[in-house]
Protein backbone atom coordinates (compact mmCIF):
# COMPACT_ATOMS: atom_id res chain seq x y z
CA MET A 1 -3.36 7.34 -16.83
CA THR A 2 -1.54 4.35 -17.27
CA SER A 3 1.51 4.05 -16.51
CA PRO A 4 4.25 3.23 -18.86
CA PRO A 5 6.12 -0.17 -18.77
CA CYS A 6 8.61 -0.05 -15.76
CA ALA A 7 11.48 -2.20 -13.53
CA VAL A 8 12.58 -1.31 -10.19
CA LEU A 9 16.14 -1.35 -9.42
CA ILE A 10 17.21 -2.11 -5.88
CA PRO A 11 20.57 -2.21 -4.87
CA SER A 12 20.78 -3.87 -1.44
CA TYR A 13 23.90 -5.16 0.73
CA ASN A 14 22.43 -6.62 4.41
CA GLY A 15 19.12 -5.22 3.69
CA GLY A 16 17.07 -7.48 6.12
CA LYS A 17 13.92 -6.35 7.30
CA HIS A 18 13.91 -2.58 5.83
CA LEU A 19 14.52 -4.91 2.53
CA ARG A 20 11.64 -6.94 3.27
CA GLN A 21 9.06 -3.95 3.93
CA VAL A 22 10.15 -1.88 1.16
CA LEU A 23 9.11 -5.51 -1.59
CA GLU A 24 6.03 -5.60 0.75
CA GLY A 25 5.06 -2.33 -0.20
CA LEU A 26 5.82 -2.31 -4.03
CA SER A 27 4.48 -6.16 -4.04
CA PRO A 28 0.51 -4.25 -4.70
CA LEU A 29 1.60 -2.25 -7.77
CA GLY A 30 2.49 -5.37 -10.03
CA LEU A 31 5.88 -3.91 -11.10
CA THR A 32 9.34 -5.90 -12.36
CA VAL A 33 11.36 -5.57 -9.63
CA LEU A 34 15.43 -6.67 -9.43
CA VAL A 35 17.08 -6.45 -6.29
CA VAL A 36 21.07 -6.70 -6.88
CA ASP A 37 22.42 -8.55 -4.03
CA ASP A 38 26.31 -7.17 -3.42
CA GLY A 39 27.76 -10.03 -1.29
CA SER A 40 25.06 -10.26 1.72
CA THR A 41 25.52 -12.60 4.65
CA ASP A 42 22.39 -12.29 6.37
CA GLY A 43 19.66 -14.24 3.97
CA SER A 44 17.97 -11.19 2.45
CA PRO A 45 18.06 -12.44 -0.97
CA GLU A 46 16.33 -15.43 -0.30
CA GLU A 47 13.83 -13.29 1.62
CA ALA A 48 13.36 -11.21 -1.56
CA ARG A 49 12.82 -14.23 -4.08
CA ARG A 50 10.27 -15.19 -1.68
CA LEU A 51 8.69 -12.20 -1.96
CA GLY A 52 8.53 -12.47 -5.91
CA ALA A 53 11.74 -9.82 -6.96
CA ARG A 54 14.15 -11.33 -9.25
CA VAL A 55 17.71 -10.98 -7.70
CA LEU A 56 21.10 -11.16 -9.29
CA SER A 57 23.62 -12.11 -6.84
CA LEU A 58 27.15 -10.66 -6.96
CA PRO A 59 29.30 -13.21 -5.31
CA VAL A 60 31.08 -10.25 -3.17
CA ARG A 61 30.67 -6.73 -1.29
CA SER A 62 31.72 -4.59 -4.95
CA GLY A 63 29.73 -1.80 -4.11
CA LYS A 64 27.01 0.01 -4.91
CA GLY A 65 27.96 1.74 -8.61
CA ARG A 66 29.35 -1.73 -9.22
CA ALA A 67 25.71 -3.55 -8.32
CA MET A 68 23.87 -0.81 -10.34
CA ARG A 69 25.69 -1.26 -13.16
CA ARG A 70 24.87 -5.12 -13.35
CA GLY A 71 21.36 -4.40 -12.54
CA ILE A 72 21.08 -1.46 -15.51
CA SER A 73 23.13 -4.12 -18.11
CA ALA A 74 20.01 -6.68 -16.82
CA ILE A 75 17.61 -5.10 -17.17
CA SER A 76 19.01 -3.38 -20.31
CA GLY A 77 19.12 -6.77 -21.92
CA GLY A 78 15.82 -8.35 -24.46
CA THR A 79 13.28 -6.31 -24.31
CA PRO A 80 13.86 -3.40 -21.66
CA PRO A 81 11.12 -2.00 -20.11
CA ASP A 82 10.01 1.68 -21.48
CA TRP A 83 11.45 3.22 -17.19
CA THR A 84 13.87 2.17 -14.54
CA LEU A 85 13.51 3.13 -11.33
CA PHE A 86 15.97 3.58 -8.66
CA MET A 87 15.19 2.79 -4.69
CA ASP A 88 17.40 1.95 -1.94
CA GLY A 89 16.11 -0.98 0.36
CA ASP A 90 17.23 0.35 3.08
CA GLY A 91 13.83 1.91 4.02
CA GLN A 92 14.16 5.68 3.31
CA HIS A 93 12.66 5.29 -0.20
CA LEU A 94 8.62 4.71 0.27
CA PRO A 95 7.25 2.66 -2.28
CA SER A 96 3.83 3.93 -1.39
CA GLU A 97 5.79 7.43 -2.86
CA VAL A 98 6.68 5.21 -6.51
CA PRO A 99 2.92 6.05 -7.95
CA HIS A 100 4.04 9.81 -7.68
CA PHE A 101 7.20 8.66 -10.20
CA LEU A 102 4.81 6.59 -12.32
CA GLN A 103 2.12 9.24 -12.70
CA ALA A 104 5.09 12.16 -13.90
CA MET A 105 5.86 9.33 -16.61
CA GLY A 106 5.15 11.71 -19.60
CA PRO A 107 6.21 12.34 -23.22
CA ASP A 108 7.86 15.73 -22.32
CA VAL A 109 10.40 14.20 -19.64
CA ASP A 110 13.42 11.51 -19.50
CA PHE A 111 14.74 12.12 -15.81
CA LEU A 112 12.98 11.83 -12.51
CA LEU A 113 14.31 13.36 -9.43
CA GLY A 114 13.54 13.34 -5.90
CA ASN A 115 13.10 16.00 -4.10
CA ARG A 116 13.61 15.92 -0.23
CA LEU A 117 14.36 19.61 0.59
CA HIS A 118 10.71 20.49 0.76
CA GLU A 119 11.10 18.35 4.28
CA GLY A 120 15.02 19.35 4.92
CA HIS A 121 13.44 19.67 8.98
CA LYS A 122 13.95 15.78 9.24
CA PHE A 123 17.43 15.49 7.68
CA PRO A 124 20.05 14.95 10.86
CA SER A 125 21.93 18.27 10.86
CA TYR A 126 25.22 16.35 9.22
CA ARG A 127 23.41 15.11 6.46
CA LEU A 128 22.12 18.30 5.25
CA VAL A 129 24.87 19.99 5.31
CA THR A 130 27.06 17.30 2.89
CA ASN A 131 23.17 17.56 0.99
CA ARG A 132 23.15 21.24 0.58
CA LEU A 133 27.43 21.61 0.00
CA GLY A 134 27.07 18.14 -2.57
CA SER A 135 23.74 19.79 -4.49
CA GLU A 136 25.61 23.23 -4.84
CA VAL A 137 28.73 21.82 -5.94
CA LEU A 138 26.72 19.73 -8.83
CA ARG A 139 24.09 22.88 -9.44
CA ARG A 140 27.22 24.86 -10.66
CA MET A 141 28.76 22.29 -12.48
CA SER A 142 25.69 21.25 -14.14
CA GLY A 143 24.13 24.36 -14.75
CA HIS A 144 21.27 23.19 -14.07
CA ALA A 145 18.79 23.98 -10.79
CA VAL A 146 18.57 20.44 -9.26
CA PRO A 147 16.87 20.97 -5.72
CA ASP A 148 18.38 17.43 -4.56
CA THR A 149 21.16 16.05 -6.31
CA GLN A 150 22.08 13.19 -4.21
CA CYS A 151 18.31 11.97 -3.77
CA GLY A 152 18.95 8.27 -5.02
CA PHE A 153 15.34 8.02 -5.46
CA ARG A 154 14.71 8.16 -9.32
CA ALA A 155 13.57 7.26 -12.09
CA LEU A 156 15.12 7.61 -16.30
CA ARG A 157 14.32 6.19 -19.54
CA THR A 158 16.06 2.82 -19.80
CA SER A 159 17.13 3.87 -23.45
CA LEU A 160 19.10 6.59 -22.33
CA LEU A 161 20.53 4.67 -19.51
CA GLY A 162 21.64 2.38 -22.19
CA THR A 163 23.28 4.62 -23.88
CA MET A 164 25.43 5.62 -20.95
CA ALA A 165 29.25 4.35 -20.05
CA LEU A 166 28.99 4.05 -16.25
CA GLU A 167 31.92 3.28 -14.48
CA SER A 168 31.76 4.38 -10.42
CA GLU A 169 31.70 1.67 -8.45
CA GLY A 170 30.54 3.68 -5.14
CA PHE A 171 27.85 5.59 -4.35
CA GLU A 172 29.10 8.49 -6.98
CA ILE A 173 26.97 6.56 -9.29
CA GLU A 174 24.29 8.98 -8.74
CA THR A 175 26.31 11.89 -9.52
CA GLU A 176 27.57 10.07 -12.91
CA ILE A 177 24.15 9.00 -13.81
CA LEU A 178 22.84 12.98 -12.98
CA LEU A 179 26.01 14.92 -15.05
CA LYS A 180 26.02 12.43 -17.83
CA ALA A 181 21.99 12.57 -18.56
CA LEU A 182 22.02 16.33 -17.97
CA ARG A 183 24.70 16.88 -20.60
CA MET A 184 22.83 14.75 -23.01
CA GLY A 185 20.10 17.20 -22.66
CA ALA A 186 17.89 15.13 -20.58
CA ARG A 187 14.42 16.55 -19.82
CA TRP A 188 14.44 16.31 -16.07
CA ARG A 189 11.45 17.71 -13.12
CA ALA A 190 11.75 17.11 -9.87
CA VAL A 191 9.06 14.87 -7.89
CA PRO A 192 8.50 15.69 -4.32
CA VAL A 193 9.01 12.73 -1.80
CA SER A 194 9.62 11.98 2.17
CA ALA A 195 12.70 12.91 3.98
CA VAL A 196 13.02 9.88 6.08
CA TYR A 197 15.52 9.22 8.71
CA ASN A 198 14.26 6.93 11.34
CA GLY A 199 17.32 5.37 12.43
CA GLN A 200 17.54 2.97 9.54
CA GLY A 201 21.21 3.49 9.55
CA SER A 202 23.28 3.76 6.29
CA HIS A 203 26.36 3.15 4.58
CA PHE A 204 26.72 6.30 3.15
CA LEU A 205 29.62 8.08 5.44
CA PRO A 206 28.63 11.46 4.97
CA VAL A 207 31.88 13.84 4.38
CA ALA A 208 34.02 11.19 2.84
CA ASP A 209 31.24 9.74 0.27
CA THR A 210 30.42 13.70 -0.36
CA PHE A 211 34.07 14.11 -1.48
CA ARG A 212 34.28 11.36 -3.33
CA ILE A 213 30.90 12.59 -4.91
CA CYS A 214 32.33 16.41 -5.64
CA MET A 215 35.71 14.53 -7.53
CA ALA A 216 34.07 12.14 -9.49
CA ALA A 217 31.75 15.50 -10.85
CA LEU A 218 34.48 17.01 -11.80
CA ARG A 219 36.06 14.13 -13.47
CA TYR A 220 32.05 13.62 -15.39
CA VAL A 221 31.40 17.29 -15.88
CA ARG A 222 34.47 17.60 -18.07
CA GLY A 223 34.11 13.92 -19.97
């Protein structure tokens, strides 16, 4: 089965060896890869270019939401691919699982959401608690039983993304996309992916950012 045209968008800040490993893992798939560098100071943008990725560099750190919005604008211009697949460059999203998304891209679906909760035992306890709390809040607000609303490993039709007036600056961008897509009637499907927590570190602050996500949900579910 031939998958539809798809570009991979990776927001990154000081991605280091994890970003390199992600890009090396994606290389055999032959996909267009756009790394939006959010003001990194570790040389990772140059490494990403060396590995064949297109790199869009922001001069100063601006937040994941701003980086993703810039990337979406870049991918949506010209002749956009049918799908945009989002990954993080910190090693928690496995390139080996990208084919699971590619195989699920069909005419009957608009939005593919990674689901890690079948491996809940692999989560650090505090991350599992905040994930379940945030997911429950968003499920109640949206009316959809999305199992893992906070997973950033996901894919959307690029045409759907292009109709969204996105405004988030931080991690709440993923909540905004989710709620706006569901409100627009997007047909979604969960894709099982691995829960990877091997001490990579994260810029996500579980309590503070989960609170911001919940507050953002109140705004976007009413918008």
